[in-house]
Amino acid sequence: MTTEGLHEQKRDSFHKHEAGLAQIDAQIGQMEAVFLRTLAEELGLTPEELTRIRGALDTVRQSLSQLKQSDDDGWAQAQERFEQAWTDFQEHSRKITGGSAG
């Protein structure tokens, strides 16, 4: 068996959640598109606030990418990092917008 085949066998956690991760990935992409094409003023934010939200969203994207690449042994830790990044993004959004993001 190849190393790649063995790695795929150890990715049951990923395969179980693949559809949900793809949906989350698409939603993050939509948010990134909005934040990239929208000026801070249009969102009622200062440039610094928009930069913080973009940075938090980028961290979410990176942690999602790591989660998608994790095998079963690293899944729980990668999932925890992703969930923390998502929570941080939501908190940044709420503080800045004063609403309930997410």
C-alpha atoms as a PDB file:
ATOM      1  CA  MET A   1       0.000   0.000   0.000  1.00  0.00           C
ATOM      2  CA  THR A   2       1.307   3.452  -0.832  1.00  0.00           C
ATOM      3  CA  THR A   3       1.790   6.141   1.758  1.00  0.00           C
ATOM      4  CA  GLU A   4      -0.926   8.149   0.024  1.00  0.00           C
ATOM      5  CA  GLY A   5      -3.335   5.206   0.269  1.00  0.00           C
ATOM      6  CA  LEU A   6      -2.587   4.814   3.960  1.00  0.00           C
ATOM      7  CA  HIS A   7      -3.106   8.546   4.465  1.00  0.00           C
ATOM      8  CA  GLU A   8      -6.512   8.367   2.747  1.00  0.00           C
ATOM      9  CA  GLN A   9      -7.517   5.491   5.028  1.00  0.00           C
ATOM     10  CA  LYS A  10      -6.793   7.708   8.015  1.00  0.00           C
ATOM     11  CA  ARG A  11      -9.054  10.478   6.724  1.00  0.00           C
ATOM     12  CA  ASP A  12     -12.451   9.062   7.705  1.00  0.00           C
ATOM     13  CA  SER A  13     -13.155  12.180   9.790  1.00  0.00           C
ATOM     14  CA  PHE A  14     -12.570  14.383   6.762  1.00  0.00           C
ATOM     15  CA  HIS A  15     -14.730  12.239   4.500  1.00  0.00           C
ATOM     16  CA  LYS A  16     -17.588  12.266   7.033  1.00  0.00           C
ATOM     17  CA  HIS A  17     -17.549  16.072   7.125  1.00  0.00           C
ATOM     18  CA  GLU A  18     -16.467  16.796   3.551  1.00  0.00           C
ATOM     19  CA  ALA A  19     -19.815  18.226   2.366  1.00  0.00           C
ATOM     20  CA  GLY A  20     -20.136  20.487   5.409  1.00  0.00           C
ATOM     21  CA  LEU A  21     -16.561  21.698   5.034  1.00  0.00           C
ATOM     22  CA  ALA A  22     -17.186  22.492   1.363  1.00  0.00           C
ATOM     23  CA  GLN A  23     -20.235  24.538   2.354  1.00  0.00           C
ATOM     24  CA  ILE A  24     -18.277  26.417   5.029  1.00  0.00           C
ATOM     25  CA  ASP A  25     -15.478  27.011   2.511  1.00  0.00           C
ATOM     26  CA  ALA A  26     -17.977  28.522   0.054  1.00  0.00           C
ATOM     27  CA  GLN A  27     -19.465  30.779   2.744  1.00  0.00           C
ATOM     28  CA  ILE A  28     -15.998  31.997   3.755  1.00  0.00           C
ATOM     29  CA  GLY A  29     -15.261  32.699   0.094  1.00  0.00           C
ATOM     30  CA  GLN A  30     -18.422  34.788  -0.191  1.00  0.00           C
ATOM     31  CA  MET A  31     -17.517  36.780   2.914  1.00  0.00           C
ATOM     32  CA  GLU A  32     -13.972  37.317   1.639  1.00  0.00           C
ATOM     33  CA  ALA A  33     -15.354  38.578  -1.664  1.00  0.00           C
ATOM     34  CA  VAL A  34     -17.570  41.100   0.138  1.00  0.00           C
ATOM     35  CA  PHE A  35     -14.741  42.308   2.360  1.00  0.00           C
ATOM     36  CA  LEU A  36     -12.341  42.609  -0.574  1.00  0.00           C
ATOM     37  CA  ARG A  37     -14.635  44.593  -2.853  1.00  0.00           C
ATOM     38  CA  THR A  38     -16.295  46.751  -0.216  1.00  0.00           C
ATOM     39  CA  LEU A  39     -14.752  49.868   1.220  1.00  0.00           C
ATOM     40  CA  ALA A  40     -14.624  50.222   4.994  1.00  0.00           C
ATOM     41  CA  GLU A  41     -16.814  53.326   4.787  1.00  0.00           C
ATOM     42  CA  GLU A  42     -19.508  51.405   2.918  1.00  0.00           C
ATOM     43  CA  LEU A  43     -19.659  48.960   5.812  1.00  0.00           C
ATOM     44  CA  GLY A  44     -19.577  51.754   8.374  1.00  0.00           C
ATOM     45  CA  LEU A  45     -16.155  50.636   9.601  1.00  0.00           C
ATOM     46  CA  THR A  46     -12.804  52.298  10.035  1.00  0.00           C
ATOM     47  CA  PRO A  47      -9.991  50.926   7.846  1.00  0.00           C
ATOM     48  CA  GLU A  48      -8.436  49.404  10.997  1.00  0.00           C
ATOM     49  CA  GLU A  49     -11.651  47.582  11.888  1.00  0.00           C
ATOM     50  CA  LEU A  50     -11.994  46.207   8.381  1.00  0.00           C
ATOM     51  CA  THR A  51      -8.357  45.065   8.481  1.00  0.00           C
ATOM     52  CA  ARG A  52      -9.015  43.244  11.778  1.00  0.00           C
ATOM     53  CA  ILE A  53     -12.082  41.491  10.369  1.00  0.00           C
ATOM     54  CA  ARG A  54     -10.207  40.527   7.202  1.00  0.00           C
ATOM     55  CA  GLY A  55      -7.321  39.189   9.301  1.00  0.00           C
ATOM     56  CA  ALA A  56      -9.657  37.140  11.481  1.00  0.00           C
ATOM     57  CA  LEU A  57     -11.375  35.765   8.385  1.00  0.00           C
ATOM     58  CA  ASP A  58      -7.992  34.890   6.871  1.00  0.00           C
ATOM     59  CA  THR A  59      -7.159  32.945  10.037  1.00  0.00           C
ATOM     60  CA  VAL A  60     -10.467  31.079   9.639  1.00  0.00           C
ATOM     61  CA  ARG A  61      -9.549  30.252   6.036  1.00  0.00           C
ATOM     62  CA  GLN A  62      -6.102  28.976   7.063  1.00  0.00           C
ATOM     63  CA  SER A  63      -7.462  26.834   9.889  1.00  0.00           C
ATOM     64  CA  LEU A  64     -10.135  25.403   7.580  1.00  0.00           C
ATOM     65  CA  SER A  65      -7.438  24.509   5.074  1.00  0.00           C
ATOM     66  CA  GLN A  66      -5.458  22.732   7.795  1.00  0.00           C
ATOM     67  CA  LEU A  67      -8.586  20.906   8.919  1.00  0.00           C
ATOM     68  CA  LYS A  68      -9.293  19.723   5.388  1.00  0.00           C
ATOM     69  CA  GLN A  69      -5.753  18.320   5.167  1.00  0.00           C
ATOM     70  CA  SER A  70      -5.793  16.585   8.573  1.00  0.00           C
ATOM     71  CA  ASP A  71      -5.845  12.859   8.988  1.00  0.00           C
ATOM     72  CA  ASP A  72      -7.807  11.233  11.797  1.00  0.00           C
ATOM     73  CA  ASP A  73      -4.895  11.512  14.249  1.00  0.00           C
ATOM     74  CA  GLY A  74      -4.801  15.303  13.937  1.00  0.00           C
ATOM     75  CA  TRP A  75      -8.486  15.909  13.288  1.00  0.00           C
ATOM     76  CA  ALA A  76      -9.606  16.855  16.801  1.00  0.00           C
ATOM     77  CA  GLN A  77      -6.814  19.398  17.234  1.00  0.00           C
ATOM     78  CA  ALA A  78      -7.356  20.900  13.772  1.00  0.00           C
ATOM     79  CA  GLN A  79     -11.109  21.080  14.381  1.00  0.00           C
ATOM     80  CA  GLU A  80     -10.504  22.848  17.690  1.00  0.00           C
ATOM     81  CA  ARG A  81      -8.242  25.426  15.976  1.00  0.00           C
ATOM     82  CA  PHE A  82     -10.858  26.002  13.278  1.00  0.00           C
ATOM     83  CA  GLU A  83     -13.664  26.436  15.820  1.00  0.00           C
ATOM     84  CA  GLN A  84     -11.551  28.883  17.843  1.00  0.00           C
ATOM     85  CA  ALA A  85     -10.693  30.893  14.728  1.00  0.00           C
ATOM     86  CA  TRP A  86     -14.391  31.012  13.759  1.00  0.00           C
ATOM     87  CA  THR A  87     -15.369  32.122  17.278  1.00  0.00           C
ATOM     88  CA  ASP A  88     -12.694  34.841  17.208  1.00  0.00           C
ATOM     89  CA  PHE A  89     -13.959  36.046  13.817  1.00  0.00           C
ATOM     90  CA  GLN A  90     -17.528  36.215  15.120  1.00  0.00           C
ATOM     91  CA  GLU A  91     -16.423  38.108  18.229  1.00  0.00           C
ATOM     92  CA  HIS A  92     -14.460  40.630  16.139  1.00  0.00           C
ATOM     93  CA  SER A  93     -17.478  41.097  13.902  1.00  0.00           C
ATOM     94  CA  ARG A  94     -19.886  41.563  16.803  1.00  0.00           C
ATOM     95  CA  LYS A  95     -17.640  44.054  18.608  1.00  0.00           C
ATOM     96  CA  ILE A  96     -17.087  46.082  15.480  1.00  0.00           C
ATOM     97  CA  THR A  97     -20.570  45.998  13.990  1.00  0.00           C
ATOM     98  CA  GLY A  98     -22.435  45.973  17.272  1.00  0.00           C
ATOM     99  CA  GLY A  99     -24.721  43.291  15.829  1.00  0.00           C
ATOM    100  CA  SER A 100     -24.805  39.547  15.748  1.00  0.00           C
ATOM    101  CA  ALA A 101     -22.553  38.231  13.006  1.00  0.00           C
ATOM    102  CA  GLY A 102     -22.663  34.647  11.923  1.00  0.00           C
END
